Amino acid sequence: MPREIFDEEKFLEISHHAIHCRVKRLKEIVKLKLRTKKNLYTYKTDPATAERLLRNISCDIIEL
């Protein structure tokens, strides 16, 4: 069962341990999904914030 994250800092912290990050772009929001060894974390945000976050994470990025 995926866990939703509501804090941007928590998302960046989890991204250091993630295997990869999947990006799903919808009309007004972007869903960022972090896959770790045990869990899947999701974070919903606007496109501008998503681009800024994607520049700061170190895991592999997969566009859907």
PDB file of N, CA and C in Angstrom:
ATOM      1  N   MET A   1       0.838  -1.172   0.000  1.00  0.00           N
ATOM      2  CA  MET A   1       0.000   0.000   0.000  1.00  0.00           C
ATOM      3  C   MET A   1       0.892   1.248   0.000  1.00  0.00           C
ATOM      4  N   PRO A   2       0.726   2.147  -0.946  1.00  0.00           N
ATOM      5  CA  PRO A   2       1.575   3.340  -0.985  1.00  0.00           C
ATOM      6  C   PRO A   2       1.252   4.302   0.152  1.00  0.00           C
ATOM      7  N   ARG A   3       2.252   5.031   0.571  1.00  0.00           N
ATOM      8  CA  ARG A   3       2.090   6.040   1.609  1.00  0.00           C
ATOM      9  C   ARG A   3       2.247   7.408   0.972  1.00  0.00           C
ATOM     10  N   GLU A   4       1.336   8.309   1.289  1.00  0.00           N
ATOM     11  CA  GLU A   4       1.413   9.654   0.725  1.00  0.00           C
ATOM     12  C   GLU A   4       2.181  10.565   1.667  1.00  0.00           C
ATOM     13  N   ILE A   5       3.079  11.350   1.086  1.00  0.00           N
ATOM     14  CA  ILE A   5       3.882  12.315   1.832  1.00  0.00           C
ATOM     15  C   ILE A   5       3.315  13.699   1.554  1.00  0.00           C
ATOM     16  N   PHE A   6       3.228  14.525   2.590  1.00  0.00           N
ATOM     17  CA  PHE A   6       2.701  15.877   2.428  1.00  0.00           C
ATOM     18  C   PHE A   6       3.771  16.937   2.654  1.00  0.00           C
ATOM     19  N   ASP A   7       4.965  16.531   3.074  1.00  0.00           N
ATOM     20  CA  ASP A   7       6.042  17.459   3.386  1.00  0.00           C
ATOM     21  C   ASP A   7       7.166  17.340   2.361  1.00  0.00           C
ATOM     22  N   GLU A   8       7.577  18.459   1.811  1.00  0.00           N
ATOM     23  CA  GLU A   8       8.611  18.488   0.782  1.00  0.00           C
ATOM     24  C   GLU A   8       9.967  18.039   1.335  1.00  0.00           C
ATOM     25  N   GLU A   9      10.291  18.449   2.551  1.00  0.00           N
ATOM     26  CA  GLU A   9      11.560  18.064   3.162  1.00  0.00           C
ATOM     27  C   GLU A   9      11.626  16.556   3.412  1.00  0.00           C
ATOM     28  N   LYS A  10      10.519  15.972   3.823  1.00  0.00           N
ATOM     29  CA  LYS A  10      10.453  14.529   4.053  1.00  0.00           C
ATOM     30  C   LYS A  10      10.664  13.782   2.727  1.00  0.00           C
ATOM     31  N   PHE A  11      10.090  14.315   1.629  1.00  0.00           N
ATOM     32  CA  PHE A  11      10.274  13.720   0.307  1.00  0.00           C
ATOM     33  C   PHE A  11      11.754  13.695  -0.073  1.00  0.00           C
ATOM     34  N   LEU A  12      12.445  14.809   0.143  1.00  0.00           N
ATOM     35  CA  LEU A  12      13.868  14.866  -0.195  1.00  0.00           C
ATOM     36  C   LEU A  12      14.688  13.922   0.679  1.00  0.00           C
ATOM     37  N   GLU A  13      14.301  13.786   1.937  1.00  0.00           N
ATOM     38  CA  GLU A  13      15.005  12.883   2.844  1.00  0.00           C
ATOM     39  C   GLU A  13      14.853  11.426   2.403  1.00  0.00           C
ATOM     40  N   ILE A  14      13.642  11.038   2.029  1.00  0.00           N
ATOM     41  CA  ILE A  14      13.393   9.667   1.586  1.00  0.00           C
ATOM     42  C   ILE A  14      14.070   9.399   0.242  1.00  0.00           C
ATOM     43  N   SER A  15      14.204  10.420  -0.591  1.00  0.00           N
ATOM     44  CA  SER A  15      14.798  10.227  -1.913  1.00  0.00           C
ATOM     45  C   SER A  15      16.259   9.780  -1.841  1.00  0.00           C
ATOM     46  N   HIS A  16      16.941  10.065  -0.746  1.00  0.00           N
ATOM     47  CA  HIS A  16      18.336   9.623  -0.598  1.00  0.00           C
ATOM     48  C   HIS A  16      18.424   8.103  -0.470  1.00  0.00           C
ATOM     49  N   HIS A  17      17.350   7.464  -0.003  1.00  0.00           N
ATOM     50  CA  HIS A  17      17.335   6.015   0.186  1.00  0.00           C
ATOM     51  C   HIS A  17      16.550   5.289  -0.909  1.00  0.00           C
ATOM     52  N   ALA A  18      15.981   6.026  -1.851  1.00  0.00           N
ATOM     53  CA  ALA A  18      15.104   5.433  -2.857  1.00  0.00           C
ATOM     54  C   ALA A  18      15.899   4.738  -3.956  1.00  0.00           C
ATOM     55  N   ILE A  19      15.261   3.734  -4.545  1.00  0.00           N
ATOM     56  CA  ILE A  19      15.845   3.017  -5.676  1.00  0.00           C
ATOM     57  C   ILE A  19      15.636   3.820  -6.954  1.00  0.00           C
ATOM     58  N   HIS A  20      14.400   4.311  -7.147  1.00  0.00           N
ATOM     59  CA  HIS A  20      14.107   5.164  -8.294  1.00  0.00           C
ATOM     60  C   HIS A  20      12.905   6.059  -7.983  1.00  0.00           C
ATOM     61  N   CYS A  21      12.712   7.060  -8.836  1.00  0.00           N
ATOM     62  CA  CYS A  21      11.593   7.994  -8.710  1.00  0.00           C
ATOM     63  C   CYS A  21      10.829   7.971 -10.028  1.00  0.00           C
ATOM     64  N   ARG A  22       9.536   7.687  -9.950  1.00  0.00           N
ATOM     65  CA  ARG A  22       8.685   7.717 -11.144  1.00  0.00           C
ATOM     66  C   ARG A  22       7.914   9.030 -11.162  1.00  0.00           C
ATOM     67  N   VAL A  23       7.814   9.629 -12.342  1.00  0.00           N
ATOM     68  CA  VAL A  23       7.149  10.918 -12.494  1.00  0.00           C
ATOM     69  C   VAL A  23       5.948  10.725 -13.403  1.00  0.00           C
ATOM     70  N   LYS A  24       4.772  11.077 -12.897  1.00  0.00           N
ATOM     71  CA  LYS A  24       3.550  10.991 -13.691  1.00  0.00           C
ATOM     72  C   LYS A  24       2.961  12.389 -13.778  1.00  0.00           C
ATOM     73  N   ARG A  25       2.941  12.942 -14.985  1.00  0.00           N
ATOM     74  CA  ARG A  25       2.448  14.304 -15.192  1.00  0.00           C
ATOM     75  C   ARG A  25       0.993  14.263 -15.637  1.00  0.00           C
ATOM     76  N   LEU A  26       0.127  14.880 -14.843  1.00  0.00           N
ATOM     77  CA  LEU A  26      -1.286  15.012 -15.175  1.00  0.00           C
ATOM     78  C   LEU A  26      -1.534  16.451 -15.599  1.00  0.00           C
ATOM     79  N   LYS A  27      -2.787  16.873 -15.718  1.00  0.00           N
ATOM     80  CA  LYS A  27      -3.060  18.218 -16.218  1.00  0.00           C
ATOM     81  C   LYS A  27      -2.530  19.316 -15.298  1.00  0.00           C
ATOM     82  N   GLU A  28      -2.969  19.336 -14.037  1.00  0.00           N
ATOM     83  CA  GLU A  28      -2.557  20.418 -13.137  1.00  0.00           C
ATOM     84  C   GLU A  28      -1.588  19.985 -12.055  1.00  0.00           C
ATOM     85  N   ILE A  29      -1.406  18.671 -11.870  1.00  0.00           N
ATOM     86  CA  ILE A  29      -0.515  18.201 -10.821  1.00  0.00           C
ATOM     87  C   ILE A  29       0.498  17.209 -11.386  1.00  0.00           C
ATOM     88  N   VAL A  30       1.532  17.012 -10.610  1.00  0.00           N
ATOM     89  CA  VAL A  30       2.561  16.023 -10.946  1.00  0.00           C
ATOM     90  C   VAL A  30       2.653  15.073  -9.757  1.00  0.00           C
ATOM     91  N   LYS A  31       2.613  13.772 -10.033  1.00  0.00           N
ATOM     92  CA  LYS A  31       2.764  12.767  -8.987  1.00  0.00           C
ATOM     93  C   LYS A  31       4.195  12.249  -9.032  1.00  0.00           C
ATOM     94  N   LEU A  32       4.868  12.334  -7.913  1.00  0.00           N
ATOM     95  CA  LEU A  32       6.219  11.803  -7.788  1.00  0.00           C
ATOM     96  C   LEU A  32       6.141  10.580  -6.889  1.00  0.00           C
ATOM     97  N   LYS A  33       6.677   9.459  -7.368  1.00  0.00           N
ATOM     98  CA  LYS A  33       6.592   8.200  -6.626  1.00  0.00           C
ATOM     99  C   LYS A  33       7.990   7.692  -6.353  1.00  0.00           C
ATOM    100  N   LEU A  34       8.317   7.565  -5.079  1.00  0.00           N
ATOM    101  CA  LEU A  34       9.624   7.054  -4.662  1.00  0.00           C
ATOM    102  C   LEU A  34       9.498   5.594  -4.268  1.00  0.00           C
ATOM    103  N   ARG A  35      10.302   4.740  -4.863  1.00  0.00           N
ATOM    104  CA  ARG A  35      10.314   3.326  -4.521  1.00  0.00           C
ATOM    105  C   ARG A  35      11.537   3.057  -3.650  1.00  0.00           C
ATOM    106  N   THR A  36      11.296   2.610  -2.420  1.00  0.00           N
ATOM    107  CA  THR A  36      12.372   2.169  -1.544  1.00  0.00           C
ATOM    108  C   THR A  36      12.317   0.646  -1.481  1.00  0.00           C
ATOM    109  N   LYS A  37      13.174   0.055  -0.670  1.00  0.00           N
ATOM    110  CA  LYS A  37      13.209  -1.407  -0.568  1.00  0.00           C
ATOM    111  C   LYS A  37      11.871  -1.967  -0.107  1.00  0.00           C
ATOM    112  N   LYS A  38      11.222  -1.291   0.858  1.00  0.00           N
ATOM    113  CA  LYS A  38      10.005  -1.837   1.452  1.00  0.00           C
ATOM    114  C   LYS A  38       8.731  -1.096   1.067  1.00  0.00           C
ATOM    115  N   ASN A  39       8.807   0.183   0.773  1.00  0.00           N
ATOM    116  CA  ASN A  39       7.601   0.992   0.589  1.00  0.00           C
ATOM    117  C   ASN A  39       7.630   1.809  -0.697  1.00  0.00           C
ATOM    118  N   LEU A  40       6.438   2.243  -1.082  1.00  0.00           N
ATOM    119  CA  LEU A  40       6.265   3.183  -2.184  1.00  0.00           C
ATOM    120  C   LEU A  40       5.682   4.452  -1.577  1.00  0.00           C
ATOM    121  N   TYR A  41       6.341   5.579  -1.809  1.00  0.00           N
ATOM    122  CA  TYR A  41       5.890   6.860  -1.285  1.00  0.00           C
ATOM    123  C   TYR A  41       5.446   7.741  -2.444  1.00  0.00           C
ATOM    124  N   THR A  42       4.324   8.437  -2.287  1.00  0.00           N
ATOM    125  CA  THR A  42       3.835   9.339  -3.328  1.00  0.00           C
ATOM    126  C   THR A  42       3.794  10.758  -2.797  1.00  0.00           C
ATOM    127  N   TYR A  43       4.010  11.702  -3.688  1.00  0.00           N
ATOM    128  CA  TYR A  43       3.961  13.120  -3.352  1.00  0.00           C
ATOM    129  C   TYR A  43       3.327  13.844  -4.530  1.00  0.00           C
ATOM    130  N   LYS A  44       2.254  14.598  -4.276  1.00  0.00           N
ATOM    131  CA  LYS A  44       1.567  15.350  -5.326  1.00  0.00           C
ATOM    132  C   LYS A  44       1.935  16.817  -5.194  1.00  0.00           C
ATOM    133  N   THR A  45       2.231  17.442  -6.329  1.00  0.00           N
ATOM    134  CA  THR A  45       2.646  18.832  -6.313  1.00  0.00           C
ATOM    135  C   THR A  45       2.360  19.488  -7.653  1.00  0.00           C
ATOM    136  N   ASP A  46       2.629  20.789  -7.733  1.00  0.00           N
ATOM    137  CA  ASP A  46       2.455  21.510  -8.992  1.00  0.00           C
ATOM    138  C   ASP A  46       3.708  21.317  -9.858  1.00  0.00           C
ATOM    139  N   PRO A  47       3.606  21.556 -11.159  1.00  0.00           N
ATOM    140  CA  PRO A  47       4.739  21.292 -12.066  1.00  0.00           C
ATOM    141  C   PRO A  47       6.020  22.067 -11.738  1.00  0.00           C
ATOM    142  N   ALA A  48       5.914  23.310 -11.291  1.00  0.00           N
ATOM    143  CA  ALA A  48       7.112  24.100 -10.991  1.00  0.00           C
ATOM    144  C   ALA A  48       7.878  23.518  -9.806  1.00  0.00           C
ATOM    145  N   THR A  49       7.164  23.150  -8.760  1.00  0.00           N
ATOM    146  CA  THR A  49       7.801  22.561  -7.585  1.00  0.00           C
ATOM    147  C   THR A  49       8.384  21.192  -7.924  1.00  0.00           C
ATOM    148  N   ALA A  50       7.707  20.441  -8.765  1.00  0.00           N
ATOM    149  CA  ALA A  50       8.190  19.119  -9.158  1.00  0.00           C
ATOM    150  C   ALA A  50       9.534  19.223  -9.883  1.00  0.00           C
ATOM    151  N   GLU A  51       9.670  20.187 -10.765  1.00  0.00           N
ATOM    152  CA  GLU A  51      10.940  20.355 -11.489  1.00  0.00           C
ATOM    153  C   GLU A  51      12.069  20.696 -10.533  1.00  0.00           C
ATOM    154  N   ARG A  52      11.789  21.544  -9.554  1.00  0.00           N
ATOM    155  CA  ARG A  52      12.798  21.919  -8.565  1.00  0.00           C
ATOM    156  C   ARG A  52      13.207  20.707  -7.720  1.00  0.00           C
ATOM    157  N   LEU A  53      12.233  19.898  -7.334  1.00  0.00           N
ATOM    158  CA  LEU A  53      12.524  18.700  -6.549  1.00  0.00           C
ATOM    159  C   LEU A  53      13.328  17.683  -7.350  1.00  0.00           C
ATOM    160  N   LEU A  54      12.988  17.512  -8.614  1.00  0.00           N
ATOM    161  CA  LEU A  54      13.680  16.530  -9.455  1.00  0.00           C
ATOM    162  C   LEU A  54      15.142  16.905  -9.680  1.00  0.00           C
ATOM    163  N   ARG A  55      15.456  18.194  -9.637  1.00  0.00           N
ATOM    164  CA  ARG A  55      16.851  18.611  -9.774  1.00  0.00           C
ATOM    165  C   ARG A  55      17.661  18.277  -8.521  1.00  0.00           C
ATOM    166  N   ASN A  56      16.974  18.140  -7.369  1.00  0.00           N
ATOM    167  CA  ASN A  56      17.665  17.948  -6.094  1.00  0.00           C
ATOM    168  C   ASN A  56      17.759  16.493  -5.642  1.00  0.00           C
ATOM    169  N   ILE A  57      17.110  15.561  -6.339  1.00  0.00           N
ATOM    170  CA  ILE A  57      17.187  14.170  -5.894  1.00  0.00           C
ATOM    171  C   ILE A  57      18.275  13.430  -6.651  1.00  0.00           C
ATOM    172  N   SER A  58      18.794  12.379  -6.012  1.00  0.00           N
ATOM    173  CA  SER A  58      19.938  11.672  -6.609  1.00  0.00           C
ATOM    174  C   SER A  58      19.584  10.311  -7.187  1.00  0.00           C
ATOM    175  N   CYS A  59      18.367   9.821  -6.964  1.00  0.00           N
ATOM    176  CA  CYS A  59      17.996   8.504  -7.488  1.00  0.00           C
ATOM    177  C   CYS A  59      17.620   8.588  -8.976  1.00  0.00           C
ATOM    178  N   ASP A  60      17.479   7.437  -9.613  1.00  0.00           N
ATOM    179  CA  ASP A  60      17.103   7.376 -11.028  1.00  0.00           C
ATOM    180  C   ASP A  60      15.693   7.933 -11.220  1.00  0.00           C
ATOM    181  N   ILE A  61      15.484   8.662 -12.311  1.00  0.00           N
ATOM    182  CA  ILE A  61      14.181   9.264 -12.606  1.00  0.00           C
ATOM    183  C   ILE A  61      13.587   8.560 -13.817  1.00  0.00           C
ATOM    184  N   ILE A  62      12.352   8.081 -13.671  1.00  0.00           N
ATOM    185  CA  ILE A  62      11.646   7.380 -14.746  1.00  0.00           C
ATOM    186  C   ILE A  62      10.392   8.174 -15.063  1.00  0.00           C
ATOM    187  N   GLU A  63      10.282   8.669 -16.299  1.00  0.00           N
ATOM    188  CA  GLU A  63       9.087   9.409 -16.736  1.00  0.00           C
ATOM    189  C   GLU A  63       8.043   8.420 -17.233  1.00  0.00           C
ATOM    190  N   LEU A  64       6.819   8.580 -16.755  1.00  0.00           N
ATOM    191  CA  LEU A  64       5.720   7.700 -17.213  1.00  0.00           C
ATOM    192  C   LEU A  64       4.905   8.388 -18.271  1.00  0.00           C
TER     193      LEU A  64
END
